[in-house]
């Protein structure tokens, strides 16, 4: 009998969503590493514990909720790394549909991103504060489309999060 496998099945029966599962892991294994990002697939660059991922996800979700984004689509424009995971889970926590895409590096890639924005009817783009100015200049800044740098949110904002379901 393999206990970790059986425990996994038990957790799945008690958790009806990925958000439920992450919150369960945050409570039961808060200091355990949830994800590790390897630079070039070899060197450990950064890690997130379940508690850190939950806190960052709730902070992003809380900000999205305060902006009235529940039910909307969010374009995720992140460089490779753990910021993407926090943004993705933040969307799940907020009831926002995540639309992942590689950030454009130059004007030549911009039509692809603009087509994704139009096709998905994205209301907001999530990214890092380092990429935000470049992306705004490449994609443009209009009144319909909003931007959110998710790596520098107001401290303590995660406490305002409310489960959307």
Protein backbone atom coordinates (compact mmCIF):
# COMPACT_ATOMS: atom_id res chain seq x y z
CA UNK A 1 0.00 0.00 0.00
CA UNK A 2 1.47 3.34 -1.10
CA UNK A 3 0.41 5.98 1.45
CA UNK A 4 1.29 9.16 -0.51
CA UNK A 5 -0.86 7.95 -3.41
CA UNK A 6 -3.80 7.20 -1.10
CA UNK A 7 -3.42 10.58 0.61
CA UNK A 8 -3.53 12.23 -2.79
CA UNK A 9 -6.79 10.51 -3.59
CA UNK A 10 -8.24 11.61 -0.24
CA UNK A 11 -7.32 15.24 -0.92
CA UNK A 12 -8.89 15.10 -4.37
CA UNK A 13 -12.18 13.85 -2.92
CA UNK A 14 -12.28 16.74 -0.44
CA UNK A 15 -11.25 19.46 -2.90
CA UNK A 16 -13.59 20.37 -5.73
CA UNK A 17 -11.37 23.01 -7.39
CA UNK A 18 -7.69 23.74 -7.91
CA UNK A 19 -8.14 26.73 -5.57
CA UNK A 20 -9.47 24.38 -2.87
CA UNK A 21 -6.46 22.12 -3.36
CA UNK A 22 -3.94 24.98 -3.12
CA UNK A 23 -5.64 26.31 0.01
CA UNK A 24 -5.61 22.82 1.53
CA UNK A 25 -1.89 22.52 0.78
CA UNK A 26 -1.32 25.97 2.26
CA UNK A 27 -2.97 24.86 5.52
CA UNK A 28 -1.47 21.38 5.72
CA UNK A 29 1.98 21.91 4.14
CA UNK A 30 2.51 25.68 4.30
CA UNK A 31 6.33 25.65 4.35
CA UNK A 32 6.74 22.89 1.76
CA UNK A 33 8.04 23.97 -1.64
CA UNK A 34 5.22 24.05 -4.13
CA UNK A 35 7.21 25.14 -7.20
CA UNK A 36 10.84 25.69 -8.15
CA UNK A 37 11.95 27.67 -11.20
CA UNK A 38 15.12 26.41 -12.84
CA UNK A 39 17.06 28.93 -14.90
CA UNK A 40 18.11 27.21 -18.14
CA UNK A 41 16.50 24.04 -16.80
CA UNK A 42 19.39 23.40 -14.41
CA UNK A 43 20.11 26.13 -11.86
CA UNK A 44 17.56 26.79 -9.13
CA UNK A 45 16.60 30.45 -9.46
CA UNK A 46 13.60 30.78 -7.13
CA UNK A 47 11.05 28.77 -5.19
CA UNK A 48 7.56 29.27 -3.80
CA UNK A 49 6.10 27.50 -0.79
CA UNK A 50 2.41 26.70 -0.72
CA UNK A 51 1.90 29.52 1.76
CA UNK A 52 3.76 32.06 -0.42
CA UNK A 53 1.85 31.00 -3.54
CA UNK A 54 -1.47 31.22 -1.71
CA UNK A 55 -0.67 34.68 -0.29
CA UNK A 56 0.51 36.07 -3.65
CA UNK A 57 -2.48 34.53 -5.45
CA UNK A 58 -4.94 36.02 -2.97
CA UNK A 59 -3.26 39.43 -3.29
CA UNK A 60 -3.61 39.38 -7.08
CA UNK A 61 -7.18 38.06 -6.82
CA UNK A 62 -8.10 40.77 -4.33
CA UNK A 63 -6.75 43.46 -6.67
CA UNK A 64 -8.63 41.96 -9.63
CA UNK A 65 -11.83 41.81 -7.56
CA UNK A 66 -11.46 45.44 -6.50
CA UNK A 67 -11.15 46.36 -10.20
CA UNK A 68 -14.40 44.52 -11.01
CA UNK A 69 -12.70 41.86 -13.13
CA UNK A 70 -14.64 38.79 -11.97
CA UNK A 71 -15.84 36.90 -15.07
CA UNK A 72 -13.53 38.89 -17.36
CA UNK A 73 -10.50 37.64 -19.29
CA UNK A 74 -6.96 38.53 -18.28
CA UNK A 75 -3.98 38.32 -20.61
CA UNK A 76 -0.97 36.92 -18.72
CA UNK A 77 2.24 38.40 -20.11
CA UNK A 78 5.07 37.15 -17.94
CA UNK A 79 8.68 36.20 -18.56
CA UNK A 80 9.58 32.63 -17.61
CA UNK A 81 9.42 32.26 -13.83
CA UNK A 82 7.18 31.97 -10.80
CA UNK A 83 5.37 35.30 -11.33
CA UNK A 84 3.32 33.54 -14.01
CA UNK A 85 2.09 30.94 -11.50
CA UNK A 86 1.02 33.60 -9.00
CA UNK A 87 -0.80 35.46 -11.79
CA UNK A 88 -2.48 32.29 -13.05
CA UNK A 89 -3.64 31.21 -9.60
CA UNK A 90 -4.63 34.81 -8.82
CA UNK A 91 -7.00 34.66 -11.78
CA UNK A 92 -8.46 31.36 -10.56
CA UNK A 93 -8.92 32.81 -7.06
CA UNK A 94 -10.73 35.85 -8.51
CA UNK A 95 -12.97 34.03 -10.97
CA UNK A 96 -11.10 35.58 -13.90
CA UNK A 97 -10.31 33.62 -17.08
CA UNK A 98 -6.53 33.47 -17.59
CA UNK A 99 -5.23 33.83 -21.17
CA UNK A 100 -1.49 33.02 -21.15
CA UNK A 101 0.72 34.42 -23.90
CA UNK A 102 4.40 35.10 -24.40
CA UNK A 103 5.18 38.80 -24.03
CA UNK A 104 6.21 40.44 -27.31
CA UNK A 105 9.88 41.36 -27.52
CA UNK A 106 9.57 43.82 -30.39
CA UNK A 107 7.09 45.52 -32.71
CA UNK A 108 7.15 42.52 -35.05
CA UNK A 109 5.41 40.33 -32.40
CA UNK A 110 2.80 42.95 -31.52
CA UNK A 111 0.12 41.96 -34.10
CA UNK A 112 0.01 38.43 -32.60
CA UNK A 113 -0.67 39.82 -29.12
CA UNK A 114 -3.22 42.33 -30.41
CA UNK A 115 -5.04 39.47 -32.17
CA UNK A 116 -5.07 37.46 -28.92
CA UNK A 117 -6.43 40.48 -27.02
CA UNK A 118 -9.19 40.98 -29.58
CA UNK A 119 -10.06 37.29 -29.91
CA UNK A 120 -10.14 36.68 -26.14
CA UNK A 121 -11.78 40.05 -25.46
CA UNK A 122 -9.26 40.56 -22.65
CA UNK A 123 -10.12 43.37 -20.26
CA UNK A 124 -6.76 43.44 -18.46
CA UNK A 125 -3.16 42.35 -18.83
CA UNK A 126 -1.14 41.04 -15.91
CA UNK A 127 2.65 41.33 -15.98
CA UNK A 128 5.65 42.39 -13.94
CA UNK A 129 6.61 45.98 -13.16
CA UNK A 130 9.86 45.49 -15.11
CA UNK A 131 7.99 44.53 -18.31
CA UNK A 132 5.03 46.90 -17.96
CA UNK A 133 6.48 50.05 -19.63
CA UNK A 134 7.86 48.09 -22.59
CA UNK A 135 4.60 46.19 -23.09
CA UNK A 136 2.51 49.36 -22.86
CA UNK A 137 4.65 51.00 -25.53
CA UNK A 138 4.51 47.95 -27.82
CA UNK A 139 0.83 47.08 -27.41
CA UNK A 140 -0.53 50.53 -26.68
CA UNK A 141 -2.54 51.85 -23.81
CA UNK A 142 -6.25 52.38 -24.41
CA UNK A 143 -9.20 52.97 -22.11
CA UNK A 144 -10.78 49.54 -22.69
CA UNK A 145 -7.70 47.52 -21.77
CA UNK A 146 -6.22 47.82 -18.25
CA UNK A 147 -2.78 46.88 -16.93
CA UNK A 148 -1.70 45.37 -13.61
CA UNK A 149 1.86 44.78 -12.42
CA UNK A 150 1.37 41.91 -9.99
CA UNK A 151 4.79 41.91 -8.34
CA UNK A 152 4.32 45.17 -6.40
CA UNK A 153 0.83 45.10 -4.91
CA UNK A 154 -0.17 46.89 -1.73
CA UNK A 155 1.01 44.91 1.34
CA UNK A 156 -1.85 43.20 3.16
CA UNK A 157 -4.24 43.40 0.20
CA UNK A 158 -4.58 39.60 0.25
CA UNK A 159 -6.76 39.84 3.37
CA UNK A 160 -9.54 41.50 1.32
CA UNK A 161 -9.89 38.47 -0.98
CA UNK A 162 -13.28 36.78 -1.08
CA UNK A 163 -13.96 33.42 -2.72
CA UNK A 164 -16.06 34.10 -5.84
CA UNK A 165 -17.96 30.81 -5.64
